[in-house]
């Protein structure tokens, strides 16, 4: 049935080889940012969505702030925060983390309404390979540690993005 001298064994080996390679190169891990309003509490959540067929190890999230607009701060803003995550995200599951406190401290703990652009870089591992995934740039408005608003800002991406570091 298989012409041209191709045996079933060779065809099966070829199919199995291409299938395993595509599974390893498939990267369905996607961090997302959203505001969660629950009861009287408003949080800024980093969603780590793992649609891959393997468990992902998430190491950390690096947050970079620019264009910080604040009237009164209680400390000098470092404009960067590092959120250590160090958790597994199982296949086809989502992990939600609150980032409002990290952004509040990176902005210098402002006591009034503030706004800034943020860029988040998440470092994670699928199998034996390390990856970095950078979210789109967002503008965040906060009143102290409480989140007031979030919107995506595409035109500032080159200004905010952290330098690519080797994986």
Protein backbone atom coordinates (compact mmCIF):
# COMPACT_ATOMS: atom_id res chain seq x y z
CA UNK A 1 0.00 0.00 0.00
CA UNK A 2 2.88 2.38 0.66
CA UNK A 3 4.63 2.94 -2.62
CA UNK A 4 8.15 4.20 -3.36
CA UNK A 5 9.85 1.75 -1.02
CA UNK A 6 8.72 3.45 2.22
CA UNK A 7 7.97 0.89 4.88
CA UNK A 8 5.42 1.27 7.63
CA UNK A 9 8.25 1.16 10.18
CA UNK A 10 10.10 4.12 8.64
CA UNK A 11 6.89 6.11 8.31
CA UNK A 12 6.02 5.48 11.97
CA UNK A 13 9.52 6.52 13.10
CA UNK A 14 9.31 9.71 11.05
CA UNK A 15 5.83 10.53 12.44
CA UNK A 16 6.92 9.87 16.04
CA UNK A 17 10.08 11.97 15.63
CA UNK A 18 8.26 15.00 14.22
CA UNK A 19 5.55 14.70 16.85
CA UNK A 20 7.96 14.76 19.82
CA UNK A 21 9.92 17.67 18.34
CA UNK A 22 6.76 19.74 17.88
CA UNK A 23 5.67 19.02 21.46
CA UNK A 24 8.97 20.28 22.86
CA UNK A 25 9.05 23.41 20.73
CA UNK A 26 5.38 24.18 21.47
CA UNK A 27 5.20 27.00 24.02
CA UNK A 28 1.65 27.68 25.16
CA UNK A 29 2.56 29.59 28.31
CA UNK A 30 1.10 33.11 28.42
CA UNK A 31 1.24 35.68 31.21
CA UNK A 32 -1.64 38.19 31.24
CA UNK A 33 -2.52 41.23 33.32
CA UNK A 34 -6.00 42.09 34.61
CA UNK A 35 -7.86 43.99 37.30
CA UNK A 36 -9.89 41.80 39.65
CA UNK A 37 -12.76 43.40 41.53
CA UNK A 38 -13.88 41.12 44.32
CA UNK A 39 -16.17 42.38 47.11
CA UNK A 40 -14.63 45.71 48.22
CA UNK A 41 -11.12 44.82 47.12
CA UNK A 42 -9.51 45.70 43.79
CA UNK A 43 -6.30 43.90 42.84
CA UNK A 44 -3.96 43.92 39.88
CA UNK A 45 -3.39 40.28 38.97
CA UNK A 46 -0.71 38.63 36.91
CA UNK A 47 -2.29 35.53 35.39
CA UNK A 48 0.11 32.77 34.43
CA UNK A 49 -1.84 30.67 31.93
CA UNK A 50 -0.25 27.32 31.07
CA UNK A 51 -1.99 25.74 28.07
CA UNK A 52 1.03 23.54 27.34
CA UNK A 53 0.89 19.79 27.90
CA UNK A 54 3.67 19.92 30.53
CA UNK A 55 4.07 21.60 33.90
CA UNK A 56 5.85 24.97 33.85
CA UNK A 57 8.20 26.16 36.61
CA UNK A 58 7.84 29.92 37.03
CA UNK A 59 10.92 31.52 38.58
CA UNK A 60 10.21 35.25 38.81
CA UNK A 61 8.52 38.31 37.40
CA UNK A 62 10.49 41.52 36.83
CA UNK A 63 8.48 44.77 36.81
CA UNK A 64 9.89 47.96 35.27
CA UNK A 65 8.18 51.33 35.83
CA UNK A 66 8.62 54.45 33.67
CA UNK A 67 6.87 57.81 33.27
CA UNK A 68 6.02 57.80 36.96
CA UNK A 69 3.70 60.70 37.84
CA UNK A 70 3.45 61.21 41.60
CA UNK A 71 3.00 64.31 43.74
CA UNK A 72 4.05 62.98 47.15
CA UNK A 73 6.21 59.93 47.81
CA UNK A 74 7.44 58.51 51.11
CA UNK A 75 10.68 57.16 49.62
CA UNK A 76 12.86 57.39 46.53
CA UNK A 77 11.32 55.17 43.85
CA UNK A 78 13.57 52.34 42.64
CA UNK A 79 11.34 52.06 39.51
CA UNK A 80 11.90 48.29 39.44
CA UNK A 81 10.52 45.38 41.39
CA UNK A 82 11.26 41.70 41.34
CA UNK A 83 8.45 39.34 42.33
CA UNK A 84 9.82 35.92 43.16
CA UNK A 85 7.21 33.34 42.20
CA UNK A 86 8.98 29.97 42.34
CA UNK A 87 5.91 27.81 41.76
CA UNK A 88 4.78 25.12 39.36
CA UNK A 89 1.87 25.80 37.08
CA UNK A 90 0.40 22.48 36.00
CA UNK A 91 -0.64 21.75 32.44
CA UNK A 92 -3.90 23.50 31.47
CA UNK A 93 -4.07 25.50 34.72
CA UNK A 94 -3.77 29.17 35.67
CA UNK A 95 -1.99 30.82 38.61
CA UNK A 96 -3.04 34.33 39.72
CA UNK A 97 -0.64 36.64 41.63
CA UNK A 98 -1.32 40.10 43.05
CA UNK A 99 1.16 42.75 41.81
CA UNK A 100 -0.32 45.90 43.37
CA UNK A 101 2.03 45.88 46.42
CA UNK A 102 5.13 45.33 44.27
CA UNK A 103 4.20 48.27 42.00
CA UNK A 104 3.31 50.44 45.02
CA UNK A 105 6.77 49.88 46.57
CA UNK A 106 8.58 50.30 43.23
CA UNK A 107 6.82 53.67 42.81
CA UNK A 108 8.17 54.90 46.18
CA UNK A 109 4.99 54.24 48.21
CA UNK A 110 3.00 57.25 46.95
CA UNK A 111 0.24 58.51 49.24
CA UNK A 112 -1.88 60.15 46.55
CA UNK A 113 -3.05 59.22 43.08
CA UNK A 114 -0.17 58.14 40.85
CA UNK A 115 0.24 56.75 37.36
CA UNK A 116 3.03 54.98 35.52
CA UNK A 117 3.80 52.68 32.63
CA UNK A 118 4.75 49.13 33.55
CA UNK A 119 6.39 46.33 31.63
CA UNK A 120 6.54 42.84 33.11
CA UNK A 121 9.02 40.13 32.14
CA UNK A 122 8.30 36.59 33.38
CA UNK A 123 11.06 33.96 33.52
CA UNK A 124 9.92 30.32 33.39
CA UNK A 125 10.99 26.83 32.41
CA UNK A 126 9.19 24.25 30.26
CA UNK A 127 10.91 20.88 30.39
CA UNK A 128 14.63 21.61 30.40
CA UNK A 129 14.48 24.93 28.50
CA UNK A 130 14.29 28.42 30.07
CA UNK A 131 12.17 31.16 28.50
CA UNK A 132 11.37 34.84 29.09
CA UNK A 133 7.98 36.23 28.15
CA UNK A 134 7.40 39.98 28.21
CA UNK A 135 3.87 41.36 28.51
CA UNK A 136 2.69 44.36 26.54
CA UNK A 137 3.21 47.75 28.17
CA UNK A 138 0.32 48.90 30.38
CA UNK A 139 -0.55 52.19 32.06
CA UNK A 140 -1.59 51.78 35.70
CA UNK A 141 -3.32 54.35 37.90
CA UNK A 142 -3.19 53.82 41.65
CA UNK A 143 -4.25 55.57 44.84
CA UNK A 144 -1.72 54.35 47.37
CA UNK A 145 -1.66 50.55 47.10
CA UNK A 146 -5.18 50.43 45.55
CA UNK A 147 -5.54 50.04 41.79
CA UNK A 148 -7.82 52.54 40.02
CA UNK A 149 -7.28 51.71 36.37
CA UNK A 150 -5.35 49.67 33.82
CA UNK A 151 -5.03 50.14 30.08
CA UNK A 152 -2.73 48.78 27.41
CA UNK A 153 -0.25 51.23 25.86
CA UNK A 154 1.35 49.90 22.69
CA UNK A 155 3.12 53.10 21.63
CA UNK A 156 5.41 53.08 24.68
CA UNK A 157 6.72 49.52 24.24
CA UNK A 158 10.21 50.46 23.04
CA UNK A 159 10.60 52.98 25.85
CA UNK A 160 9.76 50.58 28.68
CA UNK A 161 10.88 47.09 27.65
CA UNK A 162 13.72 45.69 29.76
CA UNK A 163 16.84 44.59 27.95
CA UNK A 164 16.73 41.02 26.72
CA UNK A 165 18.79 38.76 28.90
CA UNK A 166 19.97 35.35 27.75
CA UNK A 167 17.74 32.47 28.77
